[in-house]
């Protein structure tokens, strides 16, 4: 975050991070608004593109074995329906 950027502005632009428990572990999940979506990503759920200006989710492990930095570096951008319907691996 830019030191001059207000915390409320960051939340409005990048969404509020929440912690989600699931059968495949604990996840940080953040909704990215259409205004905050500036790049093209590939959804790991369906393999299709998430274009700029498309509201979506970004998720990363909260319980990554090699720590928070590695977890944040491995974050992925998902379509909301793909995230909600993902299959869990046991």
PDB file of N, CA and C in Angstrom:
ATOM      1  N   UNK A   1       0.839  -1.182   0.000  1.00  0.00           N
ATOM      2  CA  UNK A   1       0.000   0.000   0.000  1.00  0.00           C
ATOM      3  C   UNK A   1       0.878   1.237   0.000  1.00  0.00           C
ATOM      4  N   UNK A   2       0.525   2.227  -0.773  1.00  0.00           N
ATOM      5  CA  UNK A   2       1.180   3.507  -0.805  1.00  0.00           C
ATOM      6  C   UNK A   2       1.008   4.157   0.565  1.00  0.00           C
ATOM      7  N   UNK A   3       2.086   4.744   1.111  1.00  0.00           N
ATOM      8  CA  UNK A   3       2.010   5.347   2.440  1.00  0.00           C
ATOM      9  C   UNK A   3       1.004   6.479   2.515  1.00  0.00           C
ATOM     10  N   UNK A   4       0.699   7.114   1.381  1.00  0.00           N
ATOM     11  CA  UNK A   4      -0.243   8.222   1.375  1.00  0.00           C
ATOM     12  C   UNK A   4      -1.682   7.760   1.197  1.00  0.00           C
ATOM     13  N   UNK A   5      -1.888   6.499   0.892  1.00  0.00           N
ATOM     14  CA  UNK A   5      -3.234   5.972   0.646  1.00  0.00           C
ATOM     15  C   UNK A   5      -3.928   5.677   1.967  1.00  0.00           C
ATOM     16  N   UNK A   6      -5.141   6.155   2.102  1.00  0.00           N
ATOM     17  CA  UNK A   6      -5.928   5.943   3.309  1.00  0.00           C
ATOM     18  C   UNK A   6      -6.407   4.492   3.381  1.00  0.00           C
ATOM     19  N   UNK A   7      -6.504   3.912   4.595  1.00  0.00           N
ATOM     20  CA  UNK A   7      -6.993   2.526   4.729  1.00  0.00           C
ATOM     21  C   UNK A   7      -8.384   2.326   4.141  1.00  0.00           C
ATOM     22  N   UNK A   8      -9.284   3.291   4.281  1.00  0.00           N
ATOM     23  CA  UNK A   8     -10.635   3.154   3.734  1.00  0.00           C
ATOM     24  C   UNK A   8     -10.600   3.107   2.213  1.00  0.00           C
ATOM     25  N   UNK A   9      -9.641   3.843   1.611  1.00  0.00           N
ATOM     26  CA  UNK A   9      -9.511   3.842   0.156  1.00  0.00           C
ATOM     27  C   UNK A   9      -9.011   2.486  -0.329  1.00  0.00           C
ATOM     28  N   UNK A  10      -8.076   1.895   0.412  1.00  0.00           N
ATOM     29  CA  UNK A  10      -7.583   0.556   0.060  1.00  0.00           C
ATOM     30  C   UNK A  10      -8.717  -0.456   0.117  1.00  0.00           C
ATOM     31  N   UNK A  11      -9.555  -0.411   1.159  1.00  0.00           N
ATOM     32  CA  UNK A  11     -10.683  -1.341   1.279  1.00  0.00           C
ATOM     33  C   UNK A  11     -11.687  -1.135   0.156  1.00  0.00           C
ATOM     34  N   UNK A  12     -11.936   0.102  -0.217  1.00  0.00           N
ATOM     35  CA  UNK A  12     -12.881   0.381  -1.297  1.00  0.00           C
ATOM     36  C   UNK A  12     -12.340  -0.114  -2.629  1.00  0.00           C
ATOM     37  N   UNK A  13     -11.042   0.022  -2.830  1.00  0.00           N
ATOM     38  CA  UNK A  13     -10.451  -0.361  -4.109  1.00  0.00           C
ATOM     39  C   UNK A  13     -10.203  -1.859  -4.207  1.00  0.00           C
ATOM     40  N   UNK A  14      -9.672  -2.461  -3.132  1.00  0.00           N
ATOM     41  CA  UNK A  14      -9.248  -3.855  -3.175  1.00  0.00           C
ATOM     42  C   UNK A  14     -10.159  -4.816  -2.426  1.00  0.00           C
ATOM     43  N   UNK A  15     -11.164  -4.318  -1.743  1.00  0.00           N
ATOM     44  CA  UNK A  15     -12.070  -5.196  -1.024  1.00  0.00           C
ATOM     45  C   UNK A  15     -11.584  -5.514   0.377  1.00  0.00           C
ATOM     46  N   UNK A  16     -12.462  -6.087   1.151  1.00  0.00           N
ATOM     47  CA  UNK A  16     -12.152  -6.448   2.536  1.00  0.00           C
ATOM     48  C   UNK A  16     -11.764  -7.916   2.567  1.00  0.00           C
ATOM     49  N   UNK A  17     -10.646  -8.187   3.187  1.00  0.00           N
ATOM     50  CA  UNK A  17     -10.163  -9.558   3.304  1.00  0.00           C
ATOM     51  C   UNK A  17     -10.922 -10.272   4.408  1.00  0.00           C
ATOM     52  N   UNK A  18     -11.340 -11.516   4.135  1.00  0.00           N
ATOM     53  CA  UNK A  18     -11.990 -12.315   5.163  1.00  0.00           C
ATOM     54  C   UNK A  18     -11.311 -13.676   5.241  1.00  0.00           C
ATOM     55  N   UNK A  19     -11.435 -14.302   6.370  1.00  0.00           N
ATOM     56  CA  UNK A  19     -10.862 -15.623   6.583  1.00  0.00           C
ATOM     57  C   UNK A  19     -11.962 -16.651   6.377  1.00  0.00           C
ATOM     58  N   UNK A  20     -11.671 -17.683   5.566  1.00  0.00           N
ATOM     59  CA  UNK A  20     -12.677 -18.692   5.247  1.00  0.00           C
ATOM     60  C   UNK A  20     -12.126 -20.080   5.562  1.00  0.00           C
ATOM     61  N   UNK A  21     -12.878 -20.825   6.372  1.00  0.00           N
ATOM     62  CA  UNK A  21     -12.528 -22.213   6.658  1.00  0.00           C
ATOM     63  C   UNK A  21     -13.216 -23.104   5.639  1.00  0.00           C
ATOM     64  N   UNK A  22     -12.476 -24.072   5.119  1.00  0.00           N
ATOM     65  CA  UNK A  22     -13.014 -24.998   4.121  1.00  0.00           C
ATOM     66  C   UNK A  22     -12.385 -26.373   4.347  1.00  0.00           C
ATOM     67  N   UNK A  23     -12.947 -27.419   3.750  1.00  0.00           N
ATOM     68  CA  UNK A  23     -12.369 -28.753   3.917  1.00  0.00           C
ATOM     69  C   UNK A  23     -10.915 -28.845   3.438  1.00  0.00           C
ATOM     70  N   UNK A  24     -10.514 -27.957   2.536  1.00  0.00           N
ATOM     71  CA  UNK A  24      -9.131 -27.989   2.040  1.00  0.00           C
ATOM     72  C   UNK A  24      -8.228 -26.996   2.762  1.00  0.00           C
ATOM     73  N   UNK A  25      -8.655 -26.478   3.889  1.00  0.00           N
ATOM     74  CA  UNK A  25      -7.809 -25.594   4.696  1.00  0.00           C
ATOM     75  C   UNK A  25      -8.453 -24.257   4.975  1.00  0.00           C
ATOM     76  N   UNK A  26      -7.635 -23.373   5.482  1.00  0.00           N
ATOM     77  CA  UNK A  26      -8.092 -22.030   5.808  1.00  0.00           C
ATOM     78  C   UNK A  26      -7.558 -21.072   4.744  1.00  0.00           C
ATOM     79  N   UNK A  27      -8.402 -20.160   4.283  1.00  0.00           N
ATOM     80  CA  UNK A  27      -8.076 -19.277   3.166  1.00  0.00           C
ATOM     81  C   UNK A  27      -8.362 -17.824   3.500  1.00  0.00           C
ATOM     82  N   UNK A  28      -7.486 -16.950   3.006  1.00  0.00           N
ATOM     83  CA  UNK A  28      -7.780 -15.525   2.965  1.00  0.00           C
ATOM     84  C   UNK A  28      -8.490 -15.305   1.640  1.00  0.00           C
ATOM     85  N   UNK A  29      -9.629 -14.628   1.662  1.00  0.00           N
ATOM     86  CA  UNK A  29     -10.398 -14.375   0.443  1.00  0.00           C
ATOM     87  C   UNK A  29     -10.728 -12.889   0.398  1.00  0.00           C
ATOM     88  N   UNK A  30     -10.483 -12.287  -0.745  1.00  0.00           N
ATOM     89  CA  UNK A  30     -10.776 -10.865  -0.927  1.00  0.00           C
ATOM     90  C   UNK A  30     -11.542 -10.682  -2.230  1.00  0.00           C
ATOM     91  N   UNK A  31     -12.639  -9.960  -2.172  1.00  0.00           N
ATOM     92  CA  UNK A  31     -13.415  -9.643  -3.375  1.00  0.00           C
ATOM     93  C   UNK A  31     -12.773  -8.420  -4.028  1.00  0.00           C
ATOM     94  N   UNK A  32     -12.494  -8.534  -5.312  1.00  0.00           N
ATOM     95  CA  UNK A  32     -11.928  -7.438  -6.081  1.00  0.00           C
ATOM     96  C   UNK A  32     -13.067  -6.806  -6.893  1.00  0.00           C
ATOM     97  N   UNK A  33     -13.276  -5.523  -6.700  1.00  0.00           N
ATOM     98  CA  UNK A  33     -14.357  -4.840  -7.421  1.00  0.00           C
ATOM     99  C   UNK A  33     -13.975  -4.649  -8.879  1.00  0.00           C
ATOM    100  N   UNK A  34     -14.953  -4.335  -9.690  1.00  0.00           N
ATOM    101  CA  UNK A  34     -14.682  -4.098 -11.107  1.00  0.00           C
ATOM    102  C   UNK A  34     -13.751  -2.904 -11.293  1.00  0.00           C
ATOM    103  N   UNK A  35     -13.826  -1.930 -10.402  1.00  0.00           N
ATOM    104  CA  UNK A  35     -12.945  -0.761 -10.472  1.00  0.00           C
ATOM    105  C   UNK A  35     -11.506  -1.143 -10.132  1.00  0.00           C
ATOM    106  N   UNK A  36     -11.326  -2.060  -9.189  1.00  0.00           N
ATOM    107  CA  UNK A  36      -9.994  -2.472  -8.761  1.00  0.00           C
ATOM    108  C   UNK A  36      -9.359  -3.531  -9.639  1.00  0.00           C
ATOM    109  N   UNK A  37     -10.115  -4.107 -10.563  1.00  0.00           N
ATOM    110  CA  UNK A  37      -9.612  -5.181 -11.430  1.00  0.00           C
ATOM    111  C   UNK A  37      -8.969  -4.568 -12.671  1.00  0.00           C
ATOM    112  N   UNK A  38      -7.640  -4.529 -12.683  1.00  0.00           N
ATOM    113  CA  UNK A  38      -6.940  -3.830 -13.759  1.00  0.00           C
ATOM    114  C   UNK A  38      -6.172  -4.749 -14.705  1.00  0.00           C
ATOM    115  N   UNK A  39      -6.012  -6.013 -14.360  1.00  0.00           N
ATOM    116  CA  UNK A  39      -5.219  -6.943 -15.168  1.00  0.00           C
ATOM    117  C   UNK A  39      -6.077  -8.114 -15.635  1.00  0.00           C
ATOM    118  N   UNK A  40      -5.498  -8.923 -16.495  1.00  0.00           N
ATOM    119  CA  UNK A  40      -6.138 -10.166 -16.925  1.00  0.00           C
ATOM    120  C   UNK A  40      -5.523 -11.318 -16.150  1.00  0.00           C
ATOM    121  N   UNK A  41      -6.365 -12.185 -15.608  1.00  0.00           N
ATOM    122  CA  UNK A  41      -5.932 -13.356 -14.856  1.00  0.00           C
ATOM    123  C   UNK A  41      -6.605 -14.586 -15.446  1.00  0.00           C
ATOM    124  N   UNK A  42      -6.057 -15.753 -15.141  1.00  0.00           N
ATOM    125  CA  UNK A  42      -6.674 -17.012 -15.540  1.00  0.00           C
ATOM    126  C   UNK A  42      -7.246 -17.676 -14.294  1.00  0.00           C
ATOM    127  N   UNK A  43      -8.523 -17.961 -14.312  1.00  0.00           N
ATOM    128  CA  UNK A  43      -9.193 -18.609 -13.191  1.00  0.00           C
ATOM    129  C   UNK A  43      -8.741 -20.068 -13.116  1.00  0.00           C
ATOM    130  N   UNK A  44      -8.226 -20.517 -11.956  1.00  0.00           N
ATOM    131  CA  UNK A  44      -7.815 -21.917 -11.838  1.00  0.00           C
ATOM    132  C   UNK A  44      -8.987 -22.891 -11.815  1.00  0.00           C
ATOM    133  N   UNK A  45     -10.184 -22.400 -11.576  1.00  0.00           N
ATOM    134  CA  UNK A  45     -11.364 -23.273 -11.532  1.00  0.00           C
ATOM    135  C   UNK A  45     -11.838 -23.709 -12.899  1.00  0.00           C
ATOM    136  N   UNK A  46     -11.865 -22.767 -13.846  1.00  0.00           N
ATOM    137  CA  UNK A  46     -12.403 -23.078 -15.176  1.00  0.00           C
ATOM    138  C   UNK A  46     -11.388 -22.892 -16.296  1.00  0.00           C
ATOM    139  N   UNK A  47     -10.266 -22.253 -15.987  1.00  0.00           N
ATOM    140  CA  UNK A  47      -9.238 -22.032 -17.000  1.00  0.00           C
ATOM    141  C   UNK A  47      -9.522 -20.875 -17.941  1.00  0.00           C
ATOM    142  N   UNK A  48     -10.628 -20.165 -17.714  1.00  0.00           N
ATOM    143  CA  UNK A  48     -10.970 -19.033 -18.572  1.00  0.00           C
ATOM    144  C   UNK A  48     -10.404 -17.738 -17.997  1.00  0.00           C
ATOM    145  N   UNK A  49     -10.325 -16.732 -18.846  1.00  0.00           N
ATOM    146  CA  UNK A  49      -9.771 -15.440 -18.447  1.00  0.00           C
ATOM    147  C   UNK A  49     -10.735 -14.640 -17.587  1.00  0.00           C
ATOM    148  N   UNK A  50     -10.153 -13.869 -16.695  1.00  0.00           N
ATOM    149  CA  UNK A  50     -10.865 -12.854 -15.929  1.00  0.00           C
ATOM    150  C   UNK A  50     -10.274 -11.540 -16.417  1.00  0.00           C
ATOM    151  N   UNK A  51     -11.029 -10.801 -17.187  1.00  0.00           N
ATOM    152  CA  UNK A  51     -10.515  -9.586 -17.815  1.00  0.00           C
ATOM    153  C   UNK A  51     -10.544  -8.366 -16.915  1.00  0.00           C
ATOM    154  N   UNK A  52      -9.824  -7.315 -17.310  1.00  0.00           N
ATOM    155  CA  UNK A  52      -9.882  -6.052 -16.565  1.00  0.00           C
ATOM    156  C   UNK A  52     -11.323  -5.568 -16.467  1.00  0.00           C
ATOM    157  N   UNK A  53     -11.671  -5.019 -15.322  1.00  0.00           N
ATOM    158  CA  UNK A  53     -13.023  -4.521 -15.120  1.00  0.00           C
ATOM    159  C   UNK A  53     -14.027  -5.577 -14.704  1.00  0.00           C
ATOM    160  N   UNK A  54     -13.556  -6.811 -14.459  1.00  0.00           N
ATOM    161  CA  UNK A  54     -14.440  -7.905 -14.053  1.00  0.00           C
ATOM    162  C   UNK A  54     -14.288  -8.165 -12.556  1.00  0.00           C
ATOM    163  N   UNK A  55     -15.377  -8.056 -11.822  1.00  0.00           N
ATOM    164  CA  UNK A  55     -15.355  -8.356 -10.392  1.00  0.00           C
ATOM    165  C   UNK A  55     -15.006  -9.829 -10.202  1.00  0.00           C
ATOM    166  N   UNK A  56     -14.137 -10.120  -9.234  1.00  0.00           N
ATOM    167  CA  UNK A  56     -13.712 -11.499  -8.980  1.00  0.00           C
ATOM    168  C   UNK A  56     -13.167 -11.618  -7.563  1.00  0.00           C
ATOM    169  N   UNK A  57     -12.661 -12.796  -7.215  1.00  0.00           N
ATOM    170  CA  UNK A  57     -12.066 -13.050  -5.896  1.00  0.00           C
ATOM    171  C   UNK A  57     -10.595 -13.356  -6.047  1.00  0.00           C
ATOM    172  N   UNK A  58      -9.833 -13.006  -5.035  1.00  0.00           N
ATOM    173  CA  UNK A  58      -8.457 -13.463  -4.952  1.00  0.00           C
ATOM    174  C   UNK A  58      -8.349 -14.246  -3.640  1.00  0.00           C
ATOM    175  N   UNK A  59      -7.705 -15.408  -3.703  1.00  0.00           N
ATOM    176  CA  UNK A  59      -7.626 -16.284  -2.524  1.00  0.00           C
ATOM    177  C   UNK A  59      -6.211 -16.807  -2.357  1.00  0.00           C
ATOM    178  N   UNK A  60      -5.797 -16.938  -1.091  1.00  0.00           N
ATOM    179  CA  UNK A  60      -4.507 -17.531  -0.776  1.00  0.00           C
ATOM    180  C   UNK A  60      -4.599 -18.209   0.577  1.00  0.00           C
ATOM    181  N   UNK A  61      -3.776 -19.237   0.754  1.00  0.00           N
ATOM    182  CA  UNK A  61      -3.820 -20.056   1.972  1.00  0.00           C
ATOM    183  C   UNK A  61      -3.490 -19.244   3.211  1.00  0.00           C
ATOM    184  N   UNK A  62      -4.252 -19.468   4.258  1.00  0.00           N
ATOM    185  CA  UNK A  62      -3.961 -18.844   5.548  1.00  0.00           C
ATOM    186  C   UNK A  62      -3.082 -19.767   6.380  1.00  0.00           C
ATOM    187  N   UNK A  63      -2.991 -21.033   5.965  1.00  0.00           N
ATOM    188  CA  UNK A  63      -2.239 -22.030   6.734  1.00  0.00           C
ATOM    189  C   UNK A  63      -1.141 -22.662   5.874  1.00  0.00           C
ATOM    190  N   UNK A  64      -0.510 -21.862   5.028  1.00  0.00           N
ATOM    191  CA  UNK A  64       0.536 -22.365   4.126  1.00  0.00           C
ATOM    192  C   UNK A  64       1.738 -22.843   4.944  1.00  0.00           C
ATOM    193  N   UNK A  65       2.267 -23.986   4.618  1.00  0.00           N
ATOM    194  CA  UNK A  65       3.357 -24.597   5.385  1.00  0.00           C
ATOM    195  C   UNK A  65       4.643 -23.770   5.349  1.00  0.00           C
ATOM    196  N   UNK A  66       4.833 -22.927   4.344  1.00  0.00           N
ATOM    197  CA  UNK A  66       6.091 -22.170   4.283  1.00  0.00           C
ATOM    198  C   UNK A  66       5.914 -20.691   4.617  1.00  0.00           C
ATOM    199  N   UNK A  67       4.781 -20.334   5.211  1.00  0.00           N
ATOM    200  CA  UNK A  67       4.606 -18.978   5.730  1.00  0.00           C
ATOM    201  C   UNK A  67       3.755 -18.059   4.877  1.00  0.00           C
ATOM    202  N   UNK A  68       3.513 -16.891   5.440  1.00  0.00           N
ATOM    203  CA  UNK A  68       2.618 -15.922   4.822  1.00  0.00           C
ATOM    204  C   UNK A  68       3.139 -15.361   3.502  1.00  0.00           C
ATOM    205  N   UNK A  69       4.439 -15.111   3.411  1.00  0.00           N
ATOM    206  CA  UNK A  69       4.988 -14.545   2.171  1.00  0.00           C
ATOM    207  C   UNK A  69       4.821 -15.512   1.000  1.00  0.00           C
ATOM    208  N   UNK A  70       5.124 -16.784   1.238  1.00  0.00           N
ATOM    209  CA  UNK A  70       4.968 -17.785   0.183  1.00  0.00           C
ATOM    210  C   UNK A  70       3.498 -17.945  -0.183  1.00  0.00           C
ATOM    211  N   UNK A  71       2.637 -17.881   0.810  1.00  0.00           N
ATOM    212  CA  UNK A  71       1.207 -18.005   0.571  1.00  0.00           C
ATOM    213  C   UNK A  71       0.698 -16.847  -0.280  1.00  0.00           C
ATOM    214  N   UNK A  72       1.088 -15.630   0.058  1.00  0.00           N
ATOM    215  CA  UNK A  72       0.648 -14.459  -0.704  1.00  0.00           C
ATOM    216  C   UNK A  72       1.185 -14.505  -2.131  1.00  0.00           C
ATOM    217  N   UNK A  73       2.382 -15.005  -2.316  1.00  0.00           N
ATOM    218  CA  UNK A  73       2.957 -15.112  -3.660  1.00  0.00           C
ATOM    219  C   UNK A  73       2.214 -16.147  -4.509  1.00  0.00           C
ATOM    220  N   UNK A  74       1.559 -17.111  -3.836  1.00  0.00           N
ATOM    221  CA  UNK A  74       0.841 -18.175  -4.548  1.00  0.00           C
ATOM    222  C   UNK A  74      -0.656 -17.867  -4.688  1.00  0.00           C
ATOM    223  N   UNK A  75      -1.062 -16.646  -4.409  1.00  0.00           N
ATOM    224  CA  UNK A  75      -2.490 -16.306  -4.492  1.00  0.00           C
ATOM    225  C   UNK A  75      -2.989 -16.442  -5.924  1.00  0.00           C
ATOM    226  N   UNK A  76      -4.292 -16.738  -6.039  1.00  0.00           N
ATOM    227  CA  UNK A  76      -4.916 -16.937  -7.344  1.00  0.00           C
ATOM    228  C   UNK A  76      -6.213 -16.145  -7.428  1.00  0.00           C
ATOM    229  N   UNK A  77      -6.541 -15.750  -8.625  1.00  0.00           N
ATOM    230  CA  UNK A  77      -7.751 -14.977  -8.900  1.00  0.00           C
ATOM    231  C   UNK A  77      -8.806 -15.916  -9.477  1.00  0.00           C
ATOM    232  N   UNK A  78     -10.019 -15.864  -8.910  1.00  0.00           N
ATOM    233  CA  UNK A  78     -11.092 -16.800  -9.235  1.00  0.00           C
ATOM    234  C   UNK A  78     -12.358 -16.065  -9.628  1.00  0.00           C
ATOM    235  N   UNK A  79     -13.149 -16.677 -10.510  1.00  0.00           N
ATOM    236  CA  UNK A  79     -14.530 -16.251 -10.692  1.00  0.00           C
ATOM    237  C   UNK A  79     -15.258 -16.643  -9.403  1.00  0.00           C
ATOM    238  N   UNK A  80     -16.173 -15.823  -8.904  1.00  0.00           N
ATOM    239  CA  UNK A  80     -16.876 -16.183  -7.658  1.00  0.00           C
ATOM    240  C   UNK A  80     -17.577 -17.547  -7.722  1.00  0.00           C
ATOM    241  N   UNK A  81     -18.238 -17.862  -8.839  1.00  0.00           N
ATOM    242  CA  UNK A  81     -18.921 -19.162  -8.941  1.00  0.00           C
ATOM    243  C   UNK A  81     -17.922 -20.315  -8.943  1.00  0.00           C
ATOM    244  N   UNK A  82     -16.780 -20.128  -9.573  1.00  0.00           N
ATOM    245  CA  UNK A  82     -15.756 -21.179  -9.596  1.00  0.00           C
ATOM    246  C   UNK A  82     -15.205 -21.415  -8.191  1.00  0.00           C
ATOM    247  N   UNK A  83     -14.978 -20.347  -7.446  1.00  0.00           N
ATOM    248  CA  UNK A  83     -14.478 -20.485  -6.070  1.00  0.00           C
ATOM    249  C   UNK A  83     -15.508 -21.223  -5.213  1.00  0.00           C
ATOM    250  N   UNK A  84     -16.766 -20.823  -5.315  1.00  0.00           N
ATOM    251  CA  UNK A  84     -17.819 -21.429  -4.493  1.00  0.00           C
ATOM    252  C   UNK A  84     -18.064 -22.892  -4.835  1.00  0.00           C
ATOM    253  N   UNK A  85     -17.803 -23.289  -6.075  1.00  0.00           N
ATOM    254  CA  UNK A  85     -18.087 -24.664  -6.494  1.00  0.00           C
ATOM    255  C   UNK A  85     -16.831 -25.500  -6.683  1.00  0.00           C
ATOM    256  N   UNK A  86     -15.680 -25.000  -6.214  1.00  0.00           N
ATOM    257  CA  UNK A  86     -14.431 -25.754  -6.408  1.00  0.00           C
ATOM    258  C   UNK A  86     -14.507 -27.099  -5.697  1.00  0.00           C
ATOM    259  N   UNK A  87     -13.786 -28.058  -6.210  1.00  0.00           N
ATOM    260  CA  UNK A  87     -13.744 -29.367  -5.562  1.00  0.00           C
ATOM    261  C   UNK A  87     -12.599 -29.366  -4.559  1.00  0.00           C
ATOM    262  N   UNK A  88     -12.824 -29.972  -3.443  1.00  0.00           N
ATOM    263  CA  UNK A  88     -11.824 -30.030  -2.389  1.00  0.00           C
ATOM    264  C   UNK A  88     -11.016 -31.313  -2.541  1.00  0.00           C
ATOM    265  N   UNK A  89      -9.729 -31.207  -2.327  1.00  0.00           N
ATOM    266  CA  UNK A  89      -8.861 -32.381  -2.396  1.00  0.00           C
ATOM    267  C   UNK A  89      -8.487 -32.799  -0.983  1.00  0.00           C
ATOM    268  N   UNK A  90      -8.740 -34.059  -0.668  1.00  0.00           N
ATOM    269  CA  UNK A  90      -8.449 -34.541   0.691  1.00  0.00           C
ATOM    270  C   UNK A  90      -7.138 -35.276   0.731  1.00  0.00           C
TER     271      UNK A  90
END
